[in-house]
Every structure is written in C-alpha cells, then in structure tokens.
Protein backbone atom coordinates (compact mmCIF):
# COMPACT_ATOMS: atom_id res chain seq x y z
CA MET A 1 -13.80 9.91 8.84
CA PRO A 2 -11.74 6.85 7.86
CA ARG A 3 -12.04 3.58 9.72
CA PRO A 4 -9.45 2.87 12.42
CA THR A 5 -6.65 0.51 11.47
CA ALA A 6 -5.79 -2.67 13.35
CA ALA A 7 -2.80 -0.95 14.96
CA GLN A 8 -4.98 1.90 16.23
CA LEU A 9 -7.49 -0.52 17.73
CA ALA A 10 -4.76 -2.61 19.38
CA TYR A 11 -2.83 0.34 20.83
CA GLY A 12 -5.99 2.07 22.05
CA SER A 13 -7.39 -1.07 23.68
CA CYS A 14 -4.13 -1.94 25.40
CA THR A 15 -3.79 1.61 26.67
CA VAL A 16 -7.30 1.60 28.14
CA ILE A 17 -6.83 -1.77 29.86
CA PHE A 18 -3.36 -1.18 31.28
CA SER A 19 -3.92 2.43 32.31
CA THR A 20 -7.18 1.50 34.06
CA LEU A 21 -5.49 -1.28 35.98
CA ALA A 22 -2.49 0.88 36.87
CA MET A 23 -4.60 3.83 38.07
CA LEU A 24 -6.93 1.60 40.09
CA LEU A 25 -4.03 -0.17 41.77
CA LEU A 26 -2.10 3.03 42.46
CA SER A 27 -5.06 5.05 43.74
CA GLN A 28 -6.56 2.20 45.80
CA THR A 29 -9.99 3.76 45.42
CA SER A 30 -13.12 1.83 46.27
CA SER A 31 -15.81 4.47 45.65
CA GLY A 32 -17.98 4.39 42.57
CA LEU A 33 -17.15 7.99 41.68
CA GLY A 34 -13.39 7.33 41.83
CA ILE A 35 -13.71 4.25 39.64
CA ALA A 36 -15.83 6.20 37.14
CA VAL A 37 -13.28 9.03 36.96
CA ILE A 38 -10.42 6.58 36.46
CA THR A 39 -12.36 4.69 33.79
CA LEU A 40 -13.24 7.86 31.87
CA SER A 41 -9.68 9.13 32.04
CA ALA A 42 -8.37 5.76 30.79
CA LEU A 43 -10.85 5.86 27.89
CA ALA A 44 -9.72 9.39 27.00
CA LEU A 45 -6.08 8.32 27.14
CA GLY A 46 -6.81 5.28 24.95
CA LEU A 47 -8.58 7.48 22.41
CA LEU A 48 -5.65 9.89 22.37
CA VAL A 49 -3.18 7.04 21.79
CA ALA A 50 -5.32 5.50 19.04
CA VAL A 51 -5.63 8.81 17.20
CA THR A 52 -1.91 9.60 17.37
CA VAL A 53 -0.73 6.22 16.02
CA PRO A 54 1.08 6.88 12.71
CA LEU A 55 -1.11 6.11 9.73
CA PRO A 56 0.08 4.31 6.61
CA LYS A 57 1.48 6.65 3.96
CA ARG A 58 -1.32 5.99 1.49
CA VAL A 59 -3.94 7.18 3.99
CA ARG A 60 -2.27 10.47 4.93
CA SER A 61 -3.65 13.24 2.82
CA GLY A 62 -2.76 16.36 4.79
CA SER A 63 1.02 15.95 4.72
CA MET A 64 1.08 14.90 1.08
CA ALA A 65 -0.88 17.94 -0.09
CA ALA A 66 1.96 20.32 0.80
CA VAL A 67 4.44 18.56 -1.51
CA PRO A 68 3.85 19.33 -5.19
CA ALA A 69 3.85 16.42 -7.57
CA PRO A 70 6.92 16.22 -9.82
CA ALA A 71 6.38 17.21 -13.41
CA PRO A 72 6.26 14.21 -15.74
CA ALA A 73 9.24 13.81 -18.01
CA PRO A 74 8.54 14.41 -21.70
CA VAL A 75 7.82 11.17 -23.48
CA GLN A 76 9.78 10.54 -26.63
CA GLU A 77 8.21 8.09 -28.98
CA ARG A 78 10.61 5.41 -30.08
CA VAL A 79 10.19 4.27 -33.64
CA PRO A 80 12.24 1.29 -34.82
CA ALA A 81 14.43 1.90 -37.85
CA GLN A 82 13.28 0.36 -41.10
CA ARG A 83 15.31 -2.70 -41.97
CA GLU A 84 16.62 -3.25 -45.42
CA THR A 85 15.85 -6.63 -46.84
CA ALA A 86 18.63 -8.51 -48.49
CA SER A 87 17.74 -9.55 -51.97
CA VAL A 88 18.63 -13.14 -52.64
CA SER A 89 18.89 -14.14 -56.22
CA VAL A 90 18.06 -17.73 -56.84
CA SER A 91 19.19 -19.13 -60.12
CA SER A 92 17.00 -21.64 -61.84
CA ALA A 93 19.91 -24.02 -62.13
CA SER A 94 20.30 -24.44 -58.40
CA VAL A 95 16.64 -25.25 -57.90
CA SER A 96 15.58 -28.54 -59.36
CA ALA A 97 12.02 -29.65 -59.66
CA VAL A 98 11.05 -32.58 -57.51
CA ARG A 99 8.82 -35.16 -59.13
CA GLU A 100 6.78 -37.47 -57.06
CA PRO A 101 5.28 -40.68 -58.36
CA ALA A 102 1.55 -40.74 -58.95
CA GLY A 103 -0.64 -42.58 -56.51
CA PRO A 104 -1.71 -46.25 -57.01
C-alpha cells in the first residue's frame, strides 16, 4: 500500500476535526458512549475522505492499465550526405618562401 500524500493527510485530518466538532455541537451529548460514537464516526468519515482524494497521475496504476500504450513510431536513421571537397590548386609562383634571419 502506498504512503498517503500530504493532501490526503490534510483533508483527512481537517475532516476528522471539523466533523467531530460539528457533531458534538449539534448533538449536545455529554455521555461517554455518545462521544465515543461521534468520535468513531468522525474517524471513519476522515478515512473515507482521505482515501477518495484524487491521487497524482503518476501514482494511479489501475486507470492507466486499461489504456494501451501507443506504438512507437519507426525510427529512421539519418545519415549526413558526404560532402565533396573543393580541390584548390596552389601554384608555386604565388607561394614565396619566407626566410628568417639566423639567431645571434
């Protein structure tokens, strides 16, 4: 069983507290048995509210199992075209040798 989320804990706790207060004030009971019945019914109501809080989509597994996964699209491998290299002819006349003086 997965752990309860923060929303489930908050909604369940608030339901228990407010429903207990409301039932005690409306019933105006002062007997121990009446208070115990009201407390147990408020706990049951809080548990029901906490369980029915919508879960995040990544946690739901029952509703996602009914929907089949889409088939993956075929993957086409992309190969870059071979580039033609431009041949550059360099004439010996345009290139002149550079002479540097010898060191001291």
